[in-house]
C-alpha atoms as a PDB file:
ATOM      1  CA  TYR A   1      -2.288 -26.275 -10.819  1.00  0.00           C
ATOM      2  CA  SER A   2       0.259 -23.563 -10.108  1.00  0.00           C
ATOM      3  CA  ILE A   3       0.082 -19.806  -9.748  1.00  0.00           C
ATOM      4  CA  LYS A   4       2.921 -17.686 -11.058  1.00  0.00           C
ATOM      5  CA  PRO A   5       3.750 -14.599  -8.993  1.00  0.00           C
ATOM      6  CA  ILE A   6       2.691 -11.357 -10.649  1.00  0.00           C
ATOM      7  CA  SER A   7       4.693  -8.195 -10.167  1.00  0.00           C
ATOM      8  CA  PHE A   8       2.750  -5.137  -9.037  1.00  0.00           C
ATOM      9  CA  PHE A   9       4.264  -3.351 -12.014  1.00  0.00           C
ATOM     10  CA  ALA A  10       2.222  -5.646 -14.266  1.00  0.00           C
ATOM     11  CA  LEU A  11      -1.037  -4.659 -12.599  1.00  0.00           C
ATOM     12  CA  ASN A  12      -3.649  -2.417 -14.141  1.00  0.00           C
ATOM     13  CA  GLN A  13      -6.923  -1.364 -12.584  1.00  0.00           C
ATOM     14  CA  GLY A  14      -8.744  -4.102 -14.457  1.00  0.00           C
ATOM     15  CA  THR A  15      -6.170  -6.781 -13.769  1.00  0.00           C
ATOM     16  CA  LYS A  16      -7.673  -9.821 -12.118  1.00  0.00           C
ATOM     17  CA  PHE A  17      -5.841 -12.520 -10.215  1.00  0.00           C
ATOM     18  CA  LYS A  18      -7.007 -16.090 -10.588  1.00  0.00           C
ATOM     19  CA  ILE A  19      -6.675 -17.868  -7.287  1.00  0.00           C
ATOM     20  CA  LYS A  20      -7.583 -21.486  -6.785  1.00  0.00           C
ATOM     21  CA  LYS A  21      -9.286 -21.761  -3.410  1.00  0.00           C
ATOM     22  CA  HIS A  22      -8.372 -24.610  -1.137  1.00  0.00           C
ATOM     23  CA  LYS A  23     -10.710 -27.601  -1.177  1.00  0.00           C
ATOM     24  CA  ILE A  24     -11.606 -27.197   2.470  1.00  0.00           C
ATOM     25  CA  TRP A  25     -12.893 -23.662   1.995  1.00  0.00           C
ATOM     26  CA  GLU A  26     -14.869 -23.465  -1.215  1.00  0.00           C
ATOM     27  CA  ASN A  27     -14.903 -26.799  -3.048  1.00  0.00           C
ATOM     28  CA  ASN A  28     -12.136 -25.672  -5.429  1.00  0.00           C
ATOM     29  CA  MET A  29     -14.088 -22.681  -6.773  1.00  0.00           C
ATOM     30  CA  ASP A  30     -12.033 -20.025  -8.543  1.00  0.00           C
ATOM     31  CA  GLU A  31     -11.985 -16.495  -7.179  1.00  0.00           C
ATOM     32  CA  THR A  32     -10.726 -13.319  -8.796  1.00  0.00           C
ATOM     33  CA  LEU A  33      -9.159 -10.376  -6.996  1.00  0.00           C
ATOM     34  CA  ASN A  34      -8.449  -6.951  -8.414  1.00  0.00           C
ATOM     35  CA  ILE A  35      -6.051  -4.292  -7.202  1.00  0.00           C
ATOM     36  CA  ARG A  36      -8.844  -2.500  -5.308  1.00  0.00           C
ATOM     37  CA  GLU A  37      -9.606  -5.639  -3.289  1.00  0.00           C
ATOM     38  CA  ILE A  38      -5.913  -6.226  -2.674  1.00  0.00           C
ATOM     39  CA  THR A  39      -5.442  -2.630  -1.509  1.00  0.00           C
ATOM     40  CA  ASN A  40      -8.444  -2.791   0.828  1.00  0.00           C
ATOM     41  CA  ALA A  41      -7.150  -6.066   2.309  1.00  0.00           C
ATOM     42  CA  TYR A  42      -3.620  -4.658   2.608  1.00  0.00           C
ATOM     43  CA  LEU A  43      -4.917  -1.699   4.603  1.00  0.00           C
ATOM     44  CA  LEU A  44      -7.087  -3.929   6.793  1.00  0.00           C
ATOM     45  CA  TYR A  45      -4.436  -6.577   7.553  1.00  0.00           C
ATOM     46  CA  ASN A  46      -1.774  -3.969   8.282  1.00  0.00           C
ATOM     47  CA  GLY A  47      -4.039  -1.805  10.451  1.00  0.00           C
ATOM     48  CA  LEU A  48      -3.649   1.172   8.118  1.00  0.00           C
ATOM     49  CA  THR A  49      -6.308   3.707   7.200  1.00  0.00           C
ATOM     50  CA  VAL A  50      -7.271   5.212   3.861  1.00  0.00           C
ATOM     51  CA  SER A  51      -6.382   8.594   5.370  1.00  0.00           C
ATOM     52  CA  TYR A  52      -2.858   7.374   6.135  1.00  0.00           C
ATOM     53  CA  MET A  53      -2.491   5.986   2.603  1.00  0.00           C
ATOM     54  CA  SER A  54      -3.737   9.285   1.223  1.00  0.00           C
ATOM     55  CA  ARG A  55      -1.150  11.269   3.211  1.00  0.00           C
ATOM     56  CA  ALA A  56       1.684   8.872   2.315  1.00  0.00           C
ATOM     57  CA  THR A  57       0.920   8.750  -1.414  1.00  0.00           C
ATOM     58  CA  ARG A  58      -0.391  12.316  -1.736  1.00  0.00           C
ATOM     59  CA  ILE A  59      -3.492  11.001  -3.491  1.00  0.00           C
ATOM     60  CA  PRO A  60      -6.492  13.083  -2.368  1.00  0.00           C
ATOM     61  CA  ASN A  61      -8.479  11.245   0.306  1.00  0.00           C
ATOM     62  CA  SER A  62     -11.777  11.536  -1.574  1.00  0.00           C
ATOM     63  CA  THR A  63     -10.197  10.227  -4.795  1.00  0.00           C
ATOM     64  CA  LEU A  64      -8.679   7.269  -2.987  1.00  0.00           C
ATOM     65  CA  ARG A  65     -11.926   6.433  -1.166  1.00  0.00           C
ATOM     66  CA  ASP A  66     -14.011   6.686  -4.339  1.00  0.00           C
ATOM     67  CA  TRP A  67     -11.519   4.471  -6.183  1.00  0.00           C
ATOM     68  CA  LEU A  68     -11.417   1.885  -3.391  1.00  0.00           C
ATOM     69  CA  ASN A  69     -15.232   1.813  -3.388  1.00  0.00           C
ATOM     70  CA  GLY A  70     -15.275   1.227  -7.156  1.00  0.00           C
ATOM     71  CA  LYS A  71     -16.935   4.552  -7.978  1.00  0.00           C
ATOM     72  CA  ILE A  72     -14.106   5.887 -10.147  1.00  0.00           C
ATOM     73  CA  ASN A  73     -10.878   4.869 -11.846  1.00  0.00           C
ATOM     74  CA  ILE A  74      -7.717   6.688 -10.894  1.00  0.00           C
ATOM     75  CA  SER A  75      -5.031   8.137 -13.124  1.00  0.00           C
ATOM     76  CA  THR A  76      -2.038   6.109 -14.218  1.00  0.00           C
ATOM     77  CA  LYS A  77       0.164   8.317 -12.028  1.00  0.00           C
ATOM     78  CA  ASN A  78      -1.944   7.617  -8.923  1.00  0.00           C
ATOM     79  CA  LEU A  79      -2.170   3.918  -9.783  1.00  0.00           C
ATOM     80  CA  SER A  80       1.617   3.866  -9.840  1.00  0.00           C
ATOM     81  CA  LYS A  81       1.617   5.420  -6.349  1.00  0.00           C
ATOM     82  CA  VAL A  82      -0.801   2.714  -5.150  1.00  0.00           C
ATOM     83  CA  LYS A  83       1.552   0.013  -6.459  1.00  0.00           C
ATOM     84  CA  GLN A  84       4.502   1.671  -4.702  1.00  0.00           C
ATOM     85  CA  PHE A  85       2.469   1.843  -1.483  1.00  0.00           C
ATOM     86  CA  LEU A  86       1.612  -1.878  -1.705  1.00  0.00           C
ATOM     87  CA  LYS A  87       5.294  -2.674  -2.151  1.00  0.00           C
ATOM     88  CA  GLY A  88       6.049  -0.759   1.062  1.00  0.00           C
ATOM     89  CA  ASP A  89       7.954   2.047  -0.644  1.00  0.00           C
ATOM     90  CA  PHE A  90       6.251   4.669   1.538  1.00  0.00           C
ATOM     91  CA  LEU A  91       7.220   3.018   4.829  1.00  0.00           C
ATOM     92  CA  LEU A  92      10.440   3.759   6.686  1.00  0.00           C
ATOM     93  CA  ASP A  93      12.479   0.864   7.982  1.00  0.00           C
ATOM     94  CA  VAL A  94      13.739   0.908  11.551  1.00  0.00           C
ATOM     95  CA  SER A  95      17.265   2.034  10.610  1.00  0.00           C
ATOM     96  CA  ALA A  96      15.881   5.142   8.875  1.00  0.00           C
ATOM     97  CA  ILE A  97      13.786   5.937  11.944  1.00  0.00           C
ATOM     98  CA  ILE A  98      16.763   5.479  14.290  1.00  0.00           C
ATOM     99  CA  ASN A  99      18.901   7.757  12.108  1.00  0.00           C
ATOM    100  CA  GLU A 100      16.176  10.420  12.132  1.00  0.00           C
ATOM    101  CA  LEU A 101      15.828  10.210  15.937  1.00  0.00           C
ATOM    102  CA  LEU A 102      19.597  10.487  16.411  1.00  0.00           C
ATOM    103  CA  LEU A 103      19.728  13.458  14.059  1.00  0.00           C
ATOM    104  CA  GLN A 104      16.921  15.207  15.955  1.00  0.00           C
ATOM    105  CA  LYS A 105      18.690  14.522  19.261  1.00  0.00           C
ATOM    106  CA  GLU A 106      21.960  15.912  17.896  1.00  0.00           C
ATOM    107  CA  ILE A 107      20.228  19.052  16.620  1.00  0.00           C
ATOM    108  CA  ALA A 108      18.511  19.553  19.992  1.00  0.00           C
ATOM    109  CA  GLU A 109      21.848  19.188  21.795  1.00  0.00           C
ATOM    110  CA  ASP A 110      23.472  21.706  19.451  1.00  0.00           C
ATOM    111  CA  ASP A 111      20.618  24.171  20.084  1.00  0.00           C
ATOM    112  CA  ASN A 112      21.061  23.801  23.865  1.00  0.00           C
ATOM    113  CA  ARG A 113      24.800  24.487  23.805  1.00  0.00           C
ATOM    114  CA  THR A 114      25.955  27.925  24.760  1.00  0.00           C
ATOM    115  CA  ASP A 115      29.298  28.684  23.183  1.00  0.00           C
END
């Protein structure tokens, strides 16, 4: 039994993942995961909040919470933002942060200079 990786671009709200559980855990029972479950787990395992995801993706907090709780479906545009978020597209890597800090420091130094 093998599982082929699935790109997040192939996901839809109803997409299910078939995962074969390990014998030790659940006697080889199959489990399905959807993008809502994956998103909730992603937030949990990375110590992120729904509020943070809402700010990063610009999806209204209430819309995101209702979607994550299974109360509503979200638009294709917002679903695309969720996929980007799960890929890490909304996070800055350390080099971008260092560049921003250096730029801020340079601007502060320029403001403090008296010519």
